[in-house]
N, C-alpha and C. Protein backbone atom coordinates (compact mmCIF):
# COMPACT_ATOMS: atom_id res chain seq x y z
N MET A 1 84.48 92.81 120.12
CA MET A 1 85.07 91.84 119.21
C MET A 1 84.28 90.54 119.25
N ILE A 2 84.47 89.79 118.16
CA ILE A 2 83.77 88.52 118.04
C ILE A 2 84.73 87.49 117.43
N LYS A 3 84.60 86.26 117.87
CA LYS A 3 85.38 85.17 117.28
C LYS A 3 84.41 84.26 116.53
N ILE A 4 84.83 83.89 115.34
CA ILE A 4 84.06 82.98 114.50
C ILE A 4 84.83 81.67 114.43
N ILE A 5 84.18 80.59 114.84
CA ILE A 5 84.79 79.26 114.79
C ILE A 5 84.16 78.50 113.63
N ILE A 6 84.99 78.05 112.72
CA ILE A 6 84.53 77.30 111.56
C ILE A 6 85.12 75.90 111.65
N GLU A 7 84.26 74.92 111.69
CA GLU A 7 84.69 73.53 111.77
C GLU A 7 84.47 72.87 110.42
N ARG A 8 85.52 72.24 109.91
CA ARG A 8 85.44 71.59 108.60
C ARG A 8 85.98 70.17 108.68
N ARG A 9 85.41 69.31 107.86
CA ARG A 9 85.89 67.93 107.71
C ARG A 9 86.26 67.74 106.25
N ILE A 10 87.48 67.33 106.04
CA ILE A 10 88.04 67.21 104.70
C ILE A 10 87.94 65.76 104.24
N MET A 11 87.68 65.57 102.95
CA MET A 11 87.65 64.22 102.40
C MET A 11 89.05 63.61 102.48
N PRO A 12 89.13 62.32 102.80
CA PRO A 12 90.43 61.65 102.92
C PRO A 12 91.27 61.83 101.65
N GLY A 13 92.55 62.15 101.86
CA GLY A 13 93.48 62.30 100.75
C GLY A 13 93.53 63.68 100.14
N LEU A 14 92.66 64.57 100.57
CA LEU A 14 92.62 65.91 99.98
C LEU A 14 93.17 67.00 100.91
N GLU A 15 93.92 66.59 101.92
CA GLU A 15 94.43 67.54 102.91
C GLU A 15 95.33 68.60 102.27
N GLN A 16 96.21 68.20 101.37
CA GLN A 16 97.14 69.15 100.76
C GLN A 16 96.39 70.16 99.89
N GLU A 17 95.42 69.70 99.12
CA GLU A 17 94.62 70.62 98.31
C GLU A 17 93.83 71.58 99.20
N TYR A 18 93.33 71.04 100.31
CA TYR A 18 92.60 71.88 101.26
C TYR A 18 93.52 72.98 101.80
N GLU A 19 94.73 72.61 102.21
CA GLU A 19 95.67 73.59 102.78
C GLU A 19 95.90 74.75 101.81
N GLN A 20 96.09 74.44 100.56
CA GLN A 20 96.33 75.47 99.55
C GLN A 20 95.11 76.37 99.41
N ALA A 21 93.93 75.79 99.29
CA ALA A 21 92.70 76.57 99.14
C ALA A 21 92.41 77.39 100.40
N ALA A 22 92.68 76.81 101.58
CA ALA A 22 92.43 77.52 102.83
C ALA A 22 93.37 78.71 103.00
N ARG A 23 94.63 78.57 102.57
CA ARG A 23 95.56 79.70 102.64
C ARG A 23 95.08 80.84 101.75
N GLU A 24 94.60 80.50 100.58
CA GLU A 24 94.08 81.53 99.67
C GLU A 24 92.87 82.22 100.28
N ALA A 25 91.99 81.44 100.88
CA ALA A 25 90.80 82.02 101.52
C ALA A 25 91.20 82.96 102.65
N MET A 26 92.21 82.58 103.43
CA MET A 26 92.66 83.43 104.52
C MET A 26 93.25 84.74 103.99
N ARG A 27 93.98 84.68 102.90
CA ARG A 27 94.53 85.91 102.30
C ARG A 27 93.42 86.87 101.92
N TYR A 28 92.35 86.35 101.36
CA TYR A 28 91.21 87.20 101.01
C TYR A 28 90.56 87.77 102.27
N ALA A 29 90.37 86.94 103.27
CA ALA A 29 89.72 87.39 104.51
C ALA A 29 90.54 88.48 105.19
N MET A 30 91.87 88.38 105.13
CA MET A 30 92.73 89.37 105.77
C MET A 30 92.50 90.77 105.21
N GLY A 31 92.04 90.85 103.99
CA GLY A 31 91.76 92.15 103.37
C GLY A 31 90.35 92.65 103.64
N ALA A 32 89.54 91.85 104.30
CA ALA A 32 88.15 92.24 104.55
C ALA A 32 88.07 93.25 105.69
N SER A 33 87.18 94.18 105.56
CA SER A 33 86.97 95.19 106.59
C SER A 33 86.53 94.53 107.89
N GLY A 34 87.21 94.85 108.98
CA GLY A 34 86.84 94.31 110.28
C GLY A 34 87.56 93.04 110.67
N PHE A 35 88.33 92.44 109.75
CA PHE A 35 89.10 91.24 110.07
C PHE A 35 90.25 91.63 110.99
N ILE A 36 90.46 90.86 112.06
CA ILE A 36 91.55 91.14 113.00
C ILE A 36 92.63 90.07 112.91
N SER A 37 92.23 88.80 113.03
CA SER A 37 93.23 87.73 112.98
C SER A 37 92.56 86.39 112.68
N GLY A 38 93.40 85.40 112.41
CA GLY A 38 92.87 84.06 112.15
C GLY A 38 93.94 83.01 112.33
N GLU A 39 93.51 81.83 112.70
CA GLU A 39 94.42 80.70 112.81
C GLU A 39 93.69 79.43 112.39
N SER A 40 94.48 78.49 111.87
CA SER A 40 93.93 77.23 111.41
C SER A 40 94.56 76.10 112.21
N LEU A 41 93.74 75.18 112.69
CA LEU A 41 94.21 74.05 113.50
C LEU A 41 93.66 72.76 112.92
N HIS A 42 94.37 71.67 113.18
CA HIS A 42 93.80 70.36 112.86
C HIS A 42 93.89 69.49 114.10
N GLU A 43 92.93 68.60 114.20
CA GLU A 43 92.87 67.69 115.34
C GLU A 43 94.14 66.84 115.38
N HIS A 44 94.63 66.59 116.58
CA HIS A 44 95.90 65.89 116.79
C HIS A 44 96.01 64.59 115.99
N ASP A 45 95.07 63.73 116.10
CA ASP A 45 95.13 62.43 115.45
C ASP A 45 94.24 62.32 114.22
N ASN A 46 93.76 63.44 113.73
CA ASN A 46 92.83 63.41 112.60
C ASN A 46 93.00 64.67 111.76
N THR A 47 93.89 64.61 110.77
CA THR A 47 94.17 65.80 109.95
C THR A 47 93.00 66.18 109.03
N GLN A 48 91.98 65.34 108.98
CA GLN A 48 90.80 65.67 108.18
C GLN A 48 89.82 66.56 108.94
N HIS A 49 90.02 66.71 110.23
CA HIS A 49 89.14 67.56 111.05
C HIS A 49 89.87 68.88 111.31
N ARG A 50 89.33 69.97 110.77
CA ARG A 50 89.97 71.28 110.85
C ARG A 50 89.11 72.26 111.63
N LEU A 51 89.80 73.18 112.26
CA LEU A 51 89.14 74.24 113.02
C LEU A 51 89.79 75.55 112.61
N LEU A 52 89.00 76.48 112.18
CA LEU A 52 89.47 77.81 111.81
C LEU A 52 88.91 78.79 112.82
N ILE A 53 89.77 79.56 113.45
CA ILE A 53 89.35 80.55 114.44
C ILE A 53 89.72 81.92 113.91
N THR A 54 88.71 82.73 113.66
CA THR A 54 88.96 84.09 113.18
C THR A 54 88.38 85.09 114.17
N GLN A 55 89.01 86.24 114.21
CA GLN A 55 88.54 87.31 115.10
C GLN A 55 88.17 88.51 114.23
N TRP A 56 87.01 89.07 114.54
CA TRP A 56 86.46 90.18 113.77
C TRP A 56 86.09 91.33 114.71
N ARG A 57 86.07 92.52 114.17
CA ARG A 57 85.72 93.70 114.96
C ARG A 57 84.32 93.56 115.54
N ASP A 58 83.39 93.06 114.73
CA ASP A 58 82.00 92.90 115.17
C ASP A 58 81.29 91.91 114.26
N LEU A 59 80.10 91.52 114.66
CA LEU A 59 79.33 90.54 113.90
C LEU A 59 78.99 91.05 112.50
N ALA A 60 78.72 92.33 112.38
CA ALA A 60 78.39 92.90 111.07
C ALA A 60 79.56 92.72 110.09
N SER A 61 80.78 92.90 110.56
CA SER A 61 81.96 92.71 109.70
C SER A 61 82.04 91.27 109.21
N TRP A 62 81.84 90.33 110.12
CA TRP A 62 81.85 88.92 109.73
C TRP A 62 80.75 88.63 108.72
N LYS A 63 79.54 89.08 108.99
CA LYS A 63 78.41 88.79 108.10
C LYS A 63 78.66 89.37 106.70
N THR A 64 79.27 90.56 106.66
CA THR A 64 79.59 91.15 105.36
C THR A 64 80.55 90.25 104.60
N TRP A 65 81.60 89.76 105.28
CA TRP A 65 82.55 88.85 104.65
C TRP A 65 81.88 87.52 104.30
N GLN A 66 81.09 86.99 105.21
CA GLN A 66 80.45 85.70 105.00
C GLN A 66 79.60 85.70 103.73
N HIS A 67 78.97 86.80 103.42
CA HIS A 67 78.07 86.87 102.26
C HIS A 67 78.69 87.61 101.08
N SER A 68 80.00 87.83 101.14
CA SER A 68 80.67 88.58 100.07
C SER A 68 80.94 87.71 98.85
N GLN A 69 81.11 88.36 97.74
CA GLN A 69 81.44 87.66 96.50
C GLN A 69 82.84 87.04 96.61
N GLU A 70 83.75 87.71 97.31
CA GLU A 70 85.10 87.17 97.48
C GLU A 70 85.07 85.83 98.21
N ARG A 71 84.31 85.77 99.30
CA ARG A 71 84.24 84.50 100.04
C ARG A 71 83.55 83.43 99.19
N GLU A 72 82.56 83.82 98.45
CA GLU A 72 81.89 82.85 97.59
C GLU A 72 82.87 82.25 96.59
N ILE A 73 83.75 83.07 96.06
CA ILE A 73 84.74 82.59 95.09
C ILE A 73 85.70 81.59 95.73
N VAL A 74 86.24 81.93 96.89
CA VAL A 74 87.19 81.01 97.55
C VAL A 74 86.49 79.76 98.05
N MET A 75 85.25 79.87 98.45
CA MET A 75 84.52 78.70 98.92
C MET A 75 84.23 77.73 97.78
N GLN A 76 84.16 78.21 96.55
CA GLN A 76 83.96 77.31 95.40
C GLN A 76 85.13 76.34 95.27
N LYS A 77 86.32 76.75 95.74
CA LYS A 77 87.48 75.87 95.72
C LYS A 77 87.52 74.95 96.93
N LEU A 78 86.99 75.43 98.07
CA LEU A 78 87.03 74.66 99.30
C LEU A 78 85.92 73.62 99.40
N LEU A 79 84.72 73.98 99.02
CA LEU A 79 83.56 73.10 99.22
C LEU A 79 83.72 71.70 98.63
N PRO A 80 84.29 71.56 97.42
CA PRO A 80 84.43 70.20 96.87
C PRO A 80 85.40 69.32 97.67
N LEU A 81 86.19 69.93 98.55
CA LEU A 81 87.17 69.18 99.33
C LEU A 81 86.61 68.71 100.66
N LEU A 82 85.42 69.17 101.01
CA LEU A 82 84.83 68.86 102.31
C LEU A 82 83.92 67.64 102.22
N SER A 83 83.92 66.87 103.29
CA SER A 83 83.06 65.68 103.32
C SER A 83 81.68 66.00 103.90
N GLU A 84 81.54 67.17 104.50
CA GLU A 84 80.24 67.63 105.01
C GLU A 84 80.25 69.16 105.05
N GLU A 85 79.10 69.72 105.24
CA GLU A 85 78.97 71.17 105.29
C GLU A 85 79.73 71.73 106.49
N GLU A 86 80.40 72.87 106.29
CA GLU A 86 81.12 73.48 107.40
C GLU A 86 80.14 73.99 108.45
N ARG A 87 80.60 73.99 109.72
CA ARG A 87 79.78 74.50 110.81
C ARG A 87 80.41 75.80 111.31
N ILE A 88 79.60 76.83 111.40
CA ILE A 88 80.08 78.15 111.80
C ILE A 88 79.37 78.57 113.09
N THR A 89 80.17 78.99 114.08
CA THR A 89 79.63 79.43 115.37
C THR A 89 80.30 80.75 115.73
N ALA A 90 79.50 81.70 116.20
CA ALA A 90 80.01 83.01 116.62
C ALA A 90 80.07 83.06 118.14
N TYR A 91 81.19 83.56 118.65
CA TYR A 91 81.38 83.72 120.09
C TYR A 91 81.74 85.17 120.40
N LEU A 92 81.02 85.74 121.36
CA LEU A 92 81.28 87.13 121.77
C LEU A 92 82.19 87.17 122.98
N HIS A 93 83.03 88.19 123.03
CA HIS A 93 83.83 88.44 124.24
C HIS A 93 82.91 89.07 125.28
N PRO A 94 83.00 88.63 126.54
CA PRO A 94 82.14 89.21 127.58
C PRO A 94 82.49 90.67 127.86
């Protein structure tokens, strides 16, 4: 298994729009082959700083989703809400 950590920074005032778009993106991801689970967190004192933790069967499953047309569609709604490019890091279970 692999965990993918996605760090995002949202433009001030757009948190509610982000939440809606992020929920839609998660619904799409849940249907992707190899998706196991996901959770969304925000920093305690900074709701503009978000962390998405997803778990995938393997790196190939994540890469397939990452480059899929479905993710591209949902990201078109998310990207305008971000103040900087998202950072994605993959972590393997030992």
